[in-house]
N, C-alpha and C. Protein backbone atom coordinates (compact mmCIF):
# COMPACT_ATOMS: atom_id res chain seq x y z
N MET A 1 -30.29 -24.32 -60.17
CA MET A 1 -29.93 -23.83 -61.60
C MET A 1 -30.91 -23.29 -62.18
N LEU A 2 -30.60 -21.92 -62.68
CA LEU A 2 -31.72 -21.15 -63.10
C LEU A 2 -31.97 -21.56 -64.54
N LEU A 3 -33.34 -21.53 -64.83
CA LEU A 3 -33.91 -21.91 -66.20
C LEU A 3 -33.87 -20.80 -67.34
N LEU A 4 -33.75 -19.67 -66.70
CA LEU A 4 -33.72 -18.39 -67.77
C LEU A 4 -32.03 -17.93 -67.47
N SER A 5 -31.72 -17.32 -68.53
CA SER A 5 -30.46 -16.60 -68.51
C SER A 5 -30.64 -15.39 -67.74
N LEU A 6 -29.60 -14.82 -67.32
CA LEU A 6 -29.29 -13.57 -66.30
C LEU A 6 -30.21 -12.39 -67.03
N PRO A 7 -29.90 -11.90 -68.26
CA PRO A 7 -30.38 -10.99 -69.09
C PRO A 7 -32.10 -10.95 -69.14
N THR A 8 -32.46 -12.32 -69.39
CA THR A 8 -33.67 -12.56 -69.21
C THR A 8 -34.50 -12.23 -67.84
N TRP A 9 -33.82 -12.64 -67.15
CA TRP A 9 -34.43 -12.40 -65.49
C TRP A 9 -34.45 -10.87 -65.20
N PHE A 10 -33.40 -10.23 -65.79
CA PHE A 10 -33.47 -8.78 -65.76
C PHE A 10 -34.64 -8.15 -66.55
N ILE A 11 -35.02 -8.43 -67.61
CA ILE A 11 -35.98 -8.05 -68.64
C ILE A 11 -37.37 -8.19 -67.73
N HIS A 12 -37.28 -9.66 -67.37
CA HIS A 12 -38.60 -9.93 -66.65
C HIS A 12 -38.90 -9.15 -65.38
N LEU A 13 -37.87 -8.89 -64.66
CA LEU A 13 -37.90 -8.06 -63.27
C LEU A 13 -38.40 -6.54 -63.56
N PHE A 14 -37.66 -5.97 -64.61
CA PHE A 14 -38.10 -4.69 -65.02
C PHE A 14 -39.38 -4.46 -65.54
N THR A 15 -39.92 -5.46 -66.33
CA THR A 15 -41.35 -5.49 -66.83
C THR A 15 -42.31 -5.67 -65.65
N VAL A 16 -42.13 -6.43 -64.67
CA VAL A 16 -42.96 -6.43 -63.65
C VAL A 16 -43.05 -5.27 -62.61
N THR A 17 -41.80 -4.60 -62.53
CA THR A 17 -41.74 -3.38 -61.96
C THR A 17 -42.48 -2.21 -62.67
N GLU A 18 -42.42 -2.21 -64.13
CA GLU A 18 -43.20 -1.26 -64.86
C GLU A 18 -44.76 -1.29 -64.71
N TRP A 19 -45.01 -2.60 -64.69
CA TRP A 19 -46.55 -2.85 -64.60
C TRP A 19 -47.12 -2.26 -63.39
N VAL A 20 -46.33 -2.91 -62.33
CA VAL A 20 -46.58 -2.53 -60.82
C VAL A 20 -46.76 -0.93 -60.95
N ALA A 21 -45.91 -0.10 -61.06
CA ALA A 21 -45.75 1.21 -61.25
C ALA A 21 -47.00 1.87 -62.09
N ALA A 22 -47.36 1.42 -63.30
CA ALA A 22 -48.63 1.66 -64.05
C ALA A 22 -49.73 1.32 -63.19
N ILE A 23 -49.84 0.26 -62.45
CA ILE A 23 -51.08 0.00 -61.78
C ILE A 23 -51.37 1.08 -60.71
N GLY A 24 -50.09 1.27 -59.81
CA GLY A 24 -50.06 2.47 -58.96
C GLY A 24 -50.46 3.79 -59.52
N LEU A 25 -49.81 4.12 -60.70
CA LEU A 25 -50.37 5.47 -61.30
C LEU A 25 -51.70 5.68 -61.61
N PHE A 26 -52.42 4.51 -62.07
CA PHE A 26 -53.55 4.41 -62.57
C PHE A 26 -54.61 4.53 -61.11
N TRP A 27 -54.13 3.91 -60.18
CA TRP A 27 -54.70 4.20 -58.93
C TRP A 27 -54.89 5.63 -58.41
N ARG A 28 -53.69 6.05 -58.39
CA ARG A 28 -53.42 7.48 -57.64
C ARG A 28 -54.14 8.37 -58.57
N TYR A 29 -53.93 8.47 -59.95
CA TYR A 29 -54.76 9.33 -60.63
C TYR A 29 -56.38 9.38 -60.69
N GLY A 30 -57.08 7.92 -60.52
CA GLY A 30 -58.25 7.74 -60.26
C GLY A 30 -58.64 8.45 -59.03
N THR A 31 -57.86 8.43 -58.07
CA THR A 31 -58.15 9.01 -56.67
C THR A 31 -58.10 10.25 -56.80
N LEU A 32 -57.18 11.10 -57.51
CA LEU A 32 -56.78 12.38 -57.52
C LEU A 32 -58.04 13.05 -58.24
N ILE A 33 -58.48 12.41 -59.14
CA ILE A 33 -59.59 13.12 -60.17
C ILE A 33 -60.93 12.40 -59.80
N LYS A 34 -60.99 11.47 -58.71
CA LYS A 34 -62.35 10.94 -58.13
C LYS A 34 -63.05 10.37 -59.04
N GLN A 35 -62.37 9.39 -59.97
CA GLN A 35 -63.17 8.42 -60.87
C GLN A 35 -62.76 7.07 -60.58
N GLN A 36 -63.88 6.44 -60.35
CA GLN A 36 -63.65 4.97 -59.77
C GLN A 36 -63.39 4.00 -60.77
N GLU A 37 -63.69 4.58 -62.23
CA GLU A 37 -63.66 3.77 -63.31
C GLU A 37 -61.83 3.73 -63.55
N LEU A 38 -60.99 4.56 -63.28
CA LEU A 38 -59.61 4.45 -63.46
C LEU A 38 -59.12 3.50 -62.32
N GLN A 39 -59.65 3.36 -61.28
CA GLN A 39 -59.38 2.69 -60.04
C GLN A 39 -59.62 1.07 -60.39
N ILE A 40 -60.60 0.87 -61.07
CA ILE A 40 -61.24 -0.43 -61.32
C ILE A 40 -60.47 -0.83 -62.64
N LEU A 41 -59.96 -0.13 -63.45
CA LEU A 41 -58.82 -0.26 -64.81
C LEU A 41 -57.82 -1.01 -64.33
N ARG A 42 -57.24 -0.69 -63.14
CA ARG A 42 -55.94 -1.37 -62.63
C ARG A 42 -56.22 -2.83 -62.60
N CYS A 43 -57.29 -3.22 -62.34
CA CYS A 43 -57.62 -4.68 -62.26
C CYS A 43 -57.63 -5.68 -63.45
N ALA A 44 -57.79 -4.76 -64.48
CA ALA A 44 -58.07 -5.46 -65.87
C ALA A 44 -56.73 -6.18 -66.33
């Protein structure tokens, strides 16, 4: 049995997806402008 309701699971999954996308964008942008600081920022 699920401990969270279905809408709560959707919000959780969308939020995790959003964070993963943001981390990827920071990594790609840091690579594009050749700044290691932005690539390290994704770990924070």
